């Protein structure tokens, strides 16, 4: 068993809107990558047992797990409960054993006053991802999701 990291944020929109942003691959590439990265979806079959493939590219080379400037991730959708729970397994394409193994990402959505509490739980985080970097990346993705769903005029 690896490490578990969590992050949460209340987003000023209903759970159904957050859910749509989680399952739509065009939305995911807009909000998921942290600020120093861009994303590309290579495959996306959002149903239990369906698979996905995504590439995240860093603005500055030298940080990637798959190449010097990218993280390639393949995975499976495990459990999808519309408006409530989005669970996926993720495997990094890397020759470095510090990034080996399957990380499970669970997104729980709960209606609260003022919107939706979004809780991300990452189980079995590879040891090569530092707790500090992961906390920063999770927080950035939640911030991006909030901005994507509640754009400022």
N, C-alpha and C. Protein backbone atom coordinates (compact mmCIF):
# COMPACT_ATOMS: atom_id res chain seq x y z
N UNK A 1 0.85 -1.19 0.00
CA UNK A 1 0.00 0.00 0.00
C UNK A 1 0.88 1.23 0.00
N UNK A 2 0.53 2.14 -0.87
CA UNK A 2 1.25 3.40 -0.95
C UNK A 2 0.57 4.48 -0.13
N UNK A 3 1.02 5.67 -0.33
CA UNK A 3 0.53 6.84 0.39
C UNK A 3 -0.84 7.25 -0.14
N UNK A 4 -1.63 7.92 0.71
CA UNK A 4 -2.90 8.50 0.31
C UNK A 4 -2.80 10.01 0.47
N UNK A 5 -3.18 10.73 -0.58
CA UNK A 5 -3.23 12.19 -0.55
C UNK A 5 -4.67 12.62 -0.80
N UNK A 6 -5.08 13.72 -0.18
CA UNK A 6 -6.42 14.24 -0.38
C UNK A 6 -6.38 15.75 -0.56
N UNK A 7 -7.43 16.26 -1.19
CA UNK A 7 -7.61 17.70 -1.35
C UNK A 7 -9.11 17.93 -1.51
N UNK A 8 -9.56 19.11 -1.13
CA UNK A 8 -10.98 19.41 -1.29
C UNK A 8 -11.18 20.90 -1.51
N UNK A 9 -12.37 21.19 -2.05
CA UNK A 9 -12.73 22.58 -2.32
C UNK A 9 -14.23 22.64 -2.57
N UNK A 10 -14.86 23.72 -2.13
CA UNK A 10 -16.25 23.96 -2.46
C UNK A 10 -16.27 24.80 -3.74
N UNK A 11 -17.04 24.33 -4.71
CA UNK A 11 -17.17 25.01 -5.99
C UNK A 11 -18.61 25.50 -6.11
N UNK A 12 -18.79 26.74 -6.47
CA UNK A 12 -20.10 27.39 -6.49
C UNK A 12 -20.92 27.00 -7.71
N UNK A 13 -21.21 25.70 -7.81
CA UNK A 13 -22.05 25.18 -8.89
C UNK A 13 -22.63 23.85 -8.42
N UNK A 14 -23.76 23.43 -8.95
CA UNK A 14 -24.38 22.17 -8.51
C UNK A 14 -23.55 20.93 -8.89
N UNK A 15 -23.75 19.82 -8.14
CA UNK A 15 -23.01 18.59 -8.45
C UNK A 15 -23.15 18.12 -9.89
N UNK A 16 -24.31 18.30 -10.49
CA UNK A 16 -24.50 17.84 -11.88
C UNK A 16 -23.55 18.56 -12.84
N UNK A 17 -23.28 19.84 -12.59
CA UNK A 17 -22.36 20.59 -13.44
C UNK A 17 -20.91 20.12 -13.24
N UNK A 18 -20.55 19.87 -11.99
CA UNK A 18 -19.21 19.35 -11.71
C UNK A 18 -19.05 17.99 -12.38
N UNK A 19 -20.06 17.16 -12.26
CA UNK A 19 -20.03 15.82 -12.85
C UNK A 19 -19.76 15.90 -14.35
N UNK A 20 -20.48 16.80 -15.04
CA UNK A 20 -20.27 16.93 -16.49
C UNK A 20 -18.83 17.30 -16.82
N UNK A 21 -18.23 18.14 -16.00
CA UNK A 21 -16.83 18.53 -16.24
C UNK A 21 -15.86 17.37 -15.98
N UNK A 22 -16.25 16.42 -15.14
CA UNK A 22 -15.40 15.26 -14.86
C UNK A 22 -15.44 14.22 -15.97
N UNK A 23 -16.59 14.09 -16.65
CA UNK A 23 -16.72 13.01 -17.62
C UNK A 23 -16.53 13.45 -19.07
N UNK A 24 -16.52 14.74 -19.33
CA UNK A 24 -16.36 15.25 -20.69
C UNK A 24 -14.87 15.45 -20.99
N UNK A 25 -14.32 14.67 -21.92
CA UNK A 25 -12.88 14.78 -22.18
C UNK A 25 -12.44 16.16 -22.67
N UNK A 26 -13.30 16.88 -23.38
CA UNK A 26 -12.94 18.23 -23.82
C UNK A 26 -12.84 19.17 -22.63
N UNK A 27 -13.69 18.97 -21.63
CA UNK A 27 -13.60 19.78 -20.41
C UNK A 27 -12.37 19.40 -19.60
N UNK A 28 -12.11 18.10 -19.48
CA UNK A 28 -10.99 17.62 -18.65
C UNK A 28 -9.66 18.24 -19.08
N UNK A 29 -9.42 18.32 -20.39
CA UNK A 29 -8.14 18.88 -20.83
C UNK A 29 -8.05 20.38 -20.56
N UNK A 30 -9.19 21.02 -20.34
CA UNK A 30 -9.19 22.45 -20.02
C UNK A 30 -8.83 22.71 -18.56
N UNK A 31 -9.37 21.89 -17.63
CA UNK A 31 -9.19 22.22 -16.21
C UNK A 31 -8.24 21.30 -15.44
N UNK A 32 -8.05 20.06 -15.86
CA UNK A 32 -7.25 19.12 -15.06
C UNK A 32 -5.77 19.46 -14.97
N UNK A 33 -5.11 19.80 -16.09
CA UNK A 33 -3.66 20.03 -15.98
C UNK A 33 -3.34 21.21 -15.06
N UNK A 34 -2.38 21.00 -14.16
CA UNK A 34 -1.92 22.14 -13.35
C UNK A 34 -1.42 23.26 -14.26
N UNK A 35 -1.24 24.42 -13.69
CA UNK A 35 -0.96 25.63 -14.46
C UNK A 35 0.29 25.56 -15.33
N UNK A 36 1.25 24.73 -14.98
CA UNK A 36 2.49 24.65 -15.77
C UNK A 36 2.43 23.55 -16.82
N UNK A 37 1.19 23.03 -17.11
CA UNK A 37 1.04 21.91 -18.03
C UNK A 37 -0.14 22.13 -18.97
N UNK A 38 -0.12 21.38 -20.08
CA UNK A 38 -1.27 21.28 -20.97
C UNK A 38 -1.64 19.81 -21.09
N UNK A 39 -2.86 19.54 -21.52
CA UNK A 39 -3.31 18.15 -21.59
C UNK A 39 -3.82 17.77 -22.96
N UNK A 40 -3.79 16.46 -23.21
CA UNK A 40 -4.34 15.89 -24.45
C UNK A 40 -4.96 14.54 -24.09
N UNK A 41 -6.19 14.31 -24.52
CA UNK A 41 -6.85 13.02 -24.32
C UNK A 41 -6.63 12.19 -25.57
N UNK A 42 -6.07 11.00 -25.40
CA UNK A 42 -5.82 10.11 -26.52
C UNK A 42 -6.90 9.04 -26.66
N UNK A 43 -7.54 8.70 -25.54
CA UNK A 43 -8.63 7.72 -25.53
C UNK A 43 -9.49 8.02 -24.32
N UNK A 44 -10.83 7.86 -24.46
CA UNK A 44 -11.73 8.21 -23.35
C UNK A 44 -13.03 7.45 -23.52
N UNK A 45 -13.27 6.48 -22.68
CA UNK A 45 -14.49 5.68 -22.70
C UNK A 45 -15.04 5.68 -21.27
N UNK A 46 -15.73 6.77 -20.91
CA UNK A 46 -16.16 7.01 -19.53
C UNK A 46 -17.37 6.16 -19.16
N UNK A 47 -17.08 4.93 -18.79
CA UNK A 47 -18.07 3.99 -18.27
C UNK A 47 -17.31 2.99 -17.40
N UNK A 48 -17.97 2.37 -16.42
CA UNK A 48 -17.26 1.38 -15.61
C UNK A 48 -16.62 0.31 -16.50
N UNK A 49 -15.32 0.12 -16.33
CA UNK A 49 -14.57 -0.82 -17.16
C UNK A 49 -13.98 -0.19 -18.40
N UNK A 50 -14.40 1.03 -18.72
CA UNK A 50 -13.85 1.74 -19.88
C UNK A 50 -12.43 2.21 -19.59
N UNK A 51 -11.71 2.53 -20.63
CA UNK A 51 -10.31 2.92 -20.49
C UNK A 51 -10.10 4.36 -20.96
N UNK A 52 -8.98 4.92 -20.54
CA UNK A 52 -8.59 6.25 -21.00
C UNK A 52 -7.08 6.30 -21.13
N UNK A 53 -6.63 7.25 -21.95
CA UNK A 53 -5.21 7.54 -22.10
C UNK A 53 -5.10 9.06 -22.24
N UNK A 54 -4.17 9.63 -21.49
CA UNK A 54 -4.01 11.07 -21.45
C UNK A 54 -2.53 11.40 -21.38
N UNK A 55 -2.15 12.50 -22.02
CA UNK A 55 -0.78 12.99 -21.94
C UNK A 55 -0.81 14.41 -21.40
N UNK A 56 -0.03 14.65 -20.35
CA UNK A 56 0.14 15.97 -19.77
C UNK A 56 1.55 16.44 -20.12
N UNK A 57 1.66 17.64 -20.67
CA UNK A 57 2.95 18.16 -21.10
C UNK A 57 3.32 19.39 -20.28
N UNK A 58 4.55 19.38 -19.75
CA UNK A 58 5.06 20.50 -18.96
C UNK A 58 5.52 21.63 -19.86
N UNK A 59 5.37 22.86 -19.40
CA UNK A 59 5.87 24.02 -20.13
C UNK A 59 7.39 24.01 -20.15
N UNK A 60 8.01 23.57 -19.06
CA UNK A 60 9.46 23.50 -18.94
C UNK A 60 9.90 22.05 -18.91
N UNK A 61 10.77 21.61 -19.82
CA UNK A 61 11.26 20.22 -19.80
C UNK A 61 12.01 19.90 -18.50
N UNK A 62 12.11 18.61 -18.22
CA UNK A 62 12.89 18.16 -17.07
C UNK A 62 12.06 17.68 -15.90
N UNK A 63 10.72 17.74 -16.02
CA UNK A 63 9.86 17.34 -14.91
C UNK A 63 9.07 16.08 -15.20
N UNK A 64 9.10 15.59 -16.44
CA UNK A 64 8.22 14.51 -16.85
C UNK A 64 8.57 13.15 -16.29
N UNK A 65 7.54 12.33 -16.16
CA UNK A 65 7.70 10.94 -15.70
C UNK A 65 7.87 9.99 -16.88
N UNK A 66 7.29 10.36 -18.04
CA UNK A 66 7.34 9.49 -19.23
C UNK A 66 8.44 9.92 -20.19
N UNK A 67 8.53 11.23 -20.44
CA UNK A 67 9.62 11.82 -21.20
C UNK A 67 10.09 13.02 -20.39
N UNK A 68 11.08 13.73 -20.88
CA UNK A 68 11.59 14.86 -20.09
C UNK A 68 10.53 15.95 -19.89
N UNK A 69 9.54 16.01 -20.80
CA UNK A 69 8.54 17.06 -20.66
C UNK A 69 7.10 16.58 -20.59
N UNK A 70 6.87 15.27 -20.37
CA UNK A 70 5.49 14.80 -20.34
C UNK A 70 5.24 13.65 -19.36
N UNK A 71 3.98 13.55 -18.97
CA UNK A 71 3.48 12.43 -18.18
C UNK A 71 2.40 11.75 -19.02
N UNK A 72 2.63 10.52 -19.42
CA UNK A 72 1.61 9.75 -20.13
C UNK A 72 0.93 8.84 -19.12
N UNK A 73 -0.39 8.88 -19.10
CA UNK A 73 -1.17 8.13 -18.14
C UNK A 73 -2.20 7.29 -18.89
N UNK A 74 -2.29 6.02 -18.52
CA UNK A 74 -3.37 5.16 -19.02
C UNK A 74 -4.12 4.66 -17.81
N UNK A 75 -5.38 4.36 -18.00
CA UNK A 75 -6.13 3.90 -16.86
C UNK A 75 -7.49 3.35 -17.21
N UNK A 76 -8.24 3.09 -16.15
CA UNK A 76 -9.55 2.50 -16.25
C UNK A 76 -10.53 3.27 -15.39
N UNK A 77 -11.76 3.36 -15.87
CA UNK A 77 -12.83 3.93 -15.05
C UNK A 77 -13.39 2.79 -14.19
N UNK A 78 -13.41 2.99 -12.90
CA UNK A 78 -13.79 1.94 -11.96
C UNK A 78 -15.25 2.05 -11.54
N UNK A 79 -15.63 3.22 -11.06
CA UNK A 79 -17.00 3.42 -10.58
C UNK A 79 -17.45 4.82 -10.94
N UNK A 80 -18.63 4.92 -11.54
CA UNK A 80 -19.18 6.20 -11.94
C UNK A 80 -20.62 6.29 -11.43
N UNK A 81 -20.84 7.18 -10.47
CA UNK A 81 -22.17 7.42 -9.93
C UNK A 81 -22.48 8.88 -10.26
N UNK A 82 -23.31 9.13 -11.28
CA UNK A 82 -23.54 10.49 -11.74
C UNK A 82 -23.88 11.46 -10.60
N UNK A 83 -23.14 12.57 -10.59
CA UNK A 83 -23.36 13.62 -9.60
C UNK A 83 -22.82 13.33 -8.22
N UNK A 84 -22.19 12.15 -8.03
CA UNK A 84 -21.73 11.76 -6.69
C UNK A 84 -20.30 11.26 -6.61
N UNK A 85 -19.93 10.33 -7.49
CA UNK A 85 -18.64 9.65 -7.34
C UNK A 85 -18.05 9.29 -8.70
N UNK A 86 -16.77 9.60 -8.84
CA UNK A 86 -16.03 9.32 -10.07
C UNK A 86 -14.72 8.67 -9.64
N UNK A 87 -14.54 7.37 -9.93
CA UNK A 87 -13.35 6.64 -9.50
C UNK A 87 -12.63 6.09 -10.72
N UNK A 88 -11.32 6.36 -10.76
CA UNK A 88 -10.51 5.89 -11.87
C UNK A 88 -9.16 5.39 -11.35
N UNK A 89 -8.61 4.41 -12.04
CA UNK A 89 -7.25 3.94 -11.77
C UNK A 89 -6.33 4.54 -12.81
N UNK A 90 -5.12 4.89 -12.39
CA UNK A 90 -4.16 5.54 -13.28
C UNK A 90 -2.80 4.87 -13.17
N UNK A 91 -2.18 4.63 -14.31
CA UNK A 91 -0.83 4.09 -14.39
C UNK A 91 0.02 5.02 -15.23
N UNK A 92 1.16 5.46 -14.68
CA UNK A 92 2.09 6.29 -15.44
C UNK A 92 2.93 5.43 -16.36
N UNK A 93 3.15 5.89 -17.57
CA UNK A 93 4.06 5.25 -18.51
C UNK A 93 5.45 5.77 -18.17
N UNK A 94 6.21 5.00 -17.40
CA UNK A 94 7.53 5.45 -16.96
C UNK A 94 8.45 4.25 -16.75
N UNK A 95 9.72 4.45 -17.08
CA UNK A 95 10.73 3.42 -16.82
C UNK A 95 11.24 3.51 -15.39
N UNK A 96 10.91 4.56 -14.69
CA UNK A 96 11.36 4.77 -13.32
C UNK A 96 10.46 4.02 -12.35
N UNK A 97 11.00 3.05 -11.60
CA UNK A 97 10.18 2.27 -10.67
C UNK A 97 9.51 3.12 -9.58
N UNK A 98 9.99 4.33 -9.35
CA UNK A 98 9.37 5.20 -8.35
C UNK A 98 7.98 5.66 -8.80
N UNK A 99 7.66 5.48 -10.09
CA UNK A 99 6.34 5.86 -10.59
C UNK A 99 5.51 4.65 -10.99
N UNK A 100 5.95 3.45 -10.62
CA UNK A 100 5.25 2.22 -10.97
C UNK A 100 4.03 2.02 -10.08
N UNK A 101 3.12 1.21 -10.57
CA UNK A 101 1.94 0.86 -9.79
C UNK A 101 0.73 1.65 -10.23
N UNK A 102 -0.39 1.25 -9.69
CA UNK A 102 -1.67 1.86 -10.03
C UNK A 102 -2.12 2.78 -8.92
N UNK A 103 -2.37 4.03 -9.27
CA UNK A 103 -2.90 5.01 -8.33
C UNK A 103 -4.40 5.11 -8.57
N UNK A 104 -5.19 5.04 -7.51
CA UNK A 104 -6.64 5.19 -7.62
C UNK A 104 -7.02 6.61 -7.24
N UNK A 105 -7.75 7.26 -8.15
CA UNK A 105 -8.24 8.62 -7.92
C UNK A 105 -9.74 8.56 -7.74
N UNK A 106 -10.23 9.04 -6.60
CA UNK A 106 -11.66 9.08 -6.31
C UNK A 106 -12.08 10.54 -6.13
N UNK A 107 -13.09 10.94 -6.85
CA UNK A 107 -13.65 12.28 -6.78
C UNK A 107 -15.05 12.13 -6.19
N UNK A 108 -15.26 12.68 -5.01
CA UNK A 108 -16.57 12.62 -4.35
C UNK A 108 -17.20 14.00 -4.42
N UNK A 109 -18.46 14.04 -4.84
CA UNK A 109 -19.20 15.29 -4.98
C UNK A 109 -20.35 15.29 -3.97
N UNK A 110 -20.43 16.36 -3.17
CA UNK A 110 -21.48 16.48 -2.17
C UNK A 110 -22.10 17.87 -2.27
N UNK A 111 -23.42 17.90 -2.41
CA UNK A 111 -24.12 19.19 -2.43
C UNK A 111 -24.00 19.84 -1.05
N UNK A 112 -23.59 21.10 -1.03
CA UNK A 112 -23.47 21.87 0.22
C UNK A 112 -24.04 23.26 -0.05
N UNK A 113 -24.27 24.01 1.03
CA UNK A 113 -24.69 25.40 0.84
C UNK A 113 -23.64 26.11 -0.01
N UNK A 114 -24.08 26.72 -1.06
CA UNK A 114 -23.16 27.46 -1.91
C UNK A 114 -22.58 26.67 -3.06
N UNK A 115 -22.95 25.39 -3.21
CA UNK A 115 -22.44 24.65 -4.36
C UNK A 115 -22.17 23.18 -4.09
N UNK A 116 -20.97 22.76 -4.46
CA UNK A 116 -20.56 21.36 -4.36
C UNK A 116 -19.21 21.25 -3.69
N UNK A 117 -19.14 20.41 -2.66
CA UNK A 117 -17.83 20.10 -2.10
C UNK A 117 -17.24 18.98 -2.95
N UNK A 118 -16.06 19.23 -3.49
CA UNK A 118 -15.35 18.24 -4.29
C UNK A 118 -14.17 17.75 -3.47
N UNK A 119 -14.13 16.45 -3.21
CA UNK A 119 -13.03 15.85 -2.47
C UNK A 119 -12.31 14.88 -3.40
N UNK A 120 -11.01 15.08 -3.54
CA UNK A 120 -10.18 14.16 -4.32
C UNK A 120 -9.38 13.31 -3.33
N UNK A 121 -9.42 12.01 -3.53
CA UNK A 121 -8.61 11.09 -2.72
C UNK A 121 -7.76 10.27 -3.69
N UNK A 122 -6.46 10.33 -3.50
CA UNK A 122 -5.52 9.56 -4.33
C UNK A 122 -4.90 8.49 -3.45
N UNK A 123 -5.18 7.22 -3.77
CA UNK A 123 -4.64 6.09 -3.01
C UNK A 123 -3.51 5.43 -3.79
N UNK A 124 -2.53 4.93 -3.05
CA UNK A 124 -1.36 4.26 -3.64
C UNK A 124 -0.58 5.20 -4.56
N UNK A 125 -0.35 6.41 -4.06
CA UNK A 125 0.42 7.40 -4.81
C UNK A 125 1.85 6.90 -4.96
N UNK A 126 2.38 6.88 -6.18
CA UNK A 126 3.76 6.43 -6.37
C UNK A 126 4.74 7.26 -5.55
N UNK A 127 5.75 6.60 -5.03
CA UNK A 127 6.73 7.27 -4.16
C UNK A 127 7.49 8.37 -4.87
N UNK A 128 7.56 8.32 -6.20
CA UNK A 128 8.27 9.35 -6.95
C UNK A 128 7.55 10.69 -6.99
N UNK A 129 6.28 10.71 -6.59
CA UNK A 129 5.52 11.97 -6.54
C UNK A 129 5.60 12.48 -5.10
N UNK A 130 6.27 13.59 -4.90
CA UNK A 130 6.43 14.10 -3.54
C UNK A 130 5.09 14.58 -3.00
N UNK A 131 4.88 14.45 -1.69
CA UNK A 131 3.63 14.95 -1.10
C UNK A 131 3.39 16.43 -1.40
N UNK A 132 4.45 17.22 -1.39
CA UNK A 132 4.32 18.65 -1.64
C UNK A 132 3.89 18.93 -3.09
N UNK A 133 4.54 18.25 -4.04
CA UNK A 133 4.19 18.44 -5.45
C UNK A 133 2.76 17.97 -5.72
N UNK A 134 2.39 16.85 -5.09
CA UNK A 134 1.05 16.32 -5.33
C UNK A 134 -0.01 17.25 -4.73
N UNK A 135 0.24 17.75 -3.53
CA UNK A 135 -0.71 18.68 -2.91
C UNK A 135 -0.87 19.92 -3.79
N UNK A 136 0.22 20.43 -4.31
CA UNK A 136 0.17 21.60 -5.19
C UNK A 136 -0.60 21.29 -6.47
N UNK A 137 -0.36 20.13 -7.06
CA UNK A 137 -1.04 19.75 -8.29
C UNK A 137 -2.53 19.52 -8.08
N UNK A 138 -2.91 18.85 -6.99
CA UNK A 138 -4.32 18.63 -6.69
C UNK A 138 -5.04 19.96 -6.46
N UNK A 139 -4.41 20.84 -5.69
CA UNK A 139 -5.01 22.15 -5.41
C UNK A 139 -5.16 22.96 -6.70
N UNK A 140 -4.17 22.89 -7.58
CA UNK A 140 -4.24 23.62 -8.85
C UNK A 140 -5.37 23.08 -9.72
N UNK A 141 -5.53 21.76 -9.77
CA UNK A 141 -6.62 21.18 -10.56
C UNK A 141 -7.97 21.60 -10.01
N UNK A 142 -8.13 21.61 -8.69
CA UNK A 142 -9.40 22.06 -8.10
C UNK A 142 -9.65 23.54 -8.38
N UNK A 143 -8.61 24.34 -8.30
CA UNK A 143 -8.74 25.77 -8.63
C UNK A 143 -9.15 25.94 -10.09
N UNK A 144 -8.50 25.20 -10.98
CA UNK A 144 -8.82 25.27 -12.40
C UNK A 144 -10.26 24.82 -12.66
N UNK A 145 -10.69 23.76 -11.97
CA UNK A 145 -12.06 23.27 -12.11
C UNK A 145 -13.05 24.34 -11.68
N UNK A 146 -12.78 24.98 -10.55
CA UNK A 146 -13.66 26.04 -10.06
C UNK A 146 -13.73 27.18 -11.07
N UNK A 147 -12.60 27.57 -11.63
CA UNK A 147 -12.57 28.66 -12.60
C UNK A 147 -13.27 28.25 -13.90
N UNK A 148 -13.11 26.99 -14.29
CA UNK A 148 -13.77 26.50 -15.49
C UNK A 148 -15.29 26.53 -15.33
N UNK A 149 -15.77 26.16 -14.15
CA UNK A 149 -17.20 26.07 -13.92
C UNK A 149 -17.86 27.40 -13.52
N UNK A 150 -17.08 28.31 -12.99
CA UNK A 150 -17.62 29.61 -12.58
C UNK A 150 -16.74 30.72 -13.15
N UNK A 151 -16.74 30.86 -14.49
CA UNK A 151 -15.87 31.86 -15.11
C UNK A 151 -16.23 33.27 -14.65
N UNK A 152 -15.22 34.07 -14.54
CA UNK A 152 -15.42 35.46 -14.14
C UNK A 152 -15.72 36.30 -15.38
N UNK A 153 -16.61 37.30 -15.24
CA UNK A 153 -16.95 38.14 -16.40
C UNK A 153 -15.79 39.01 -16.84
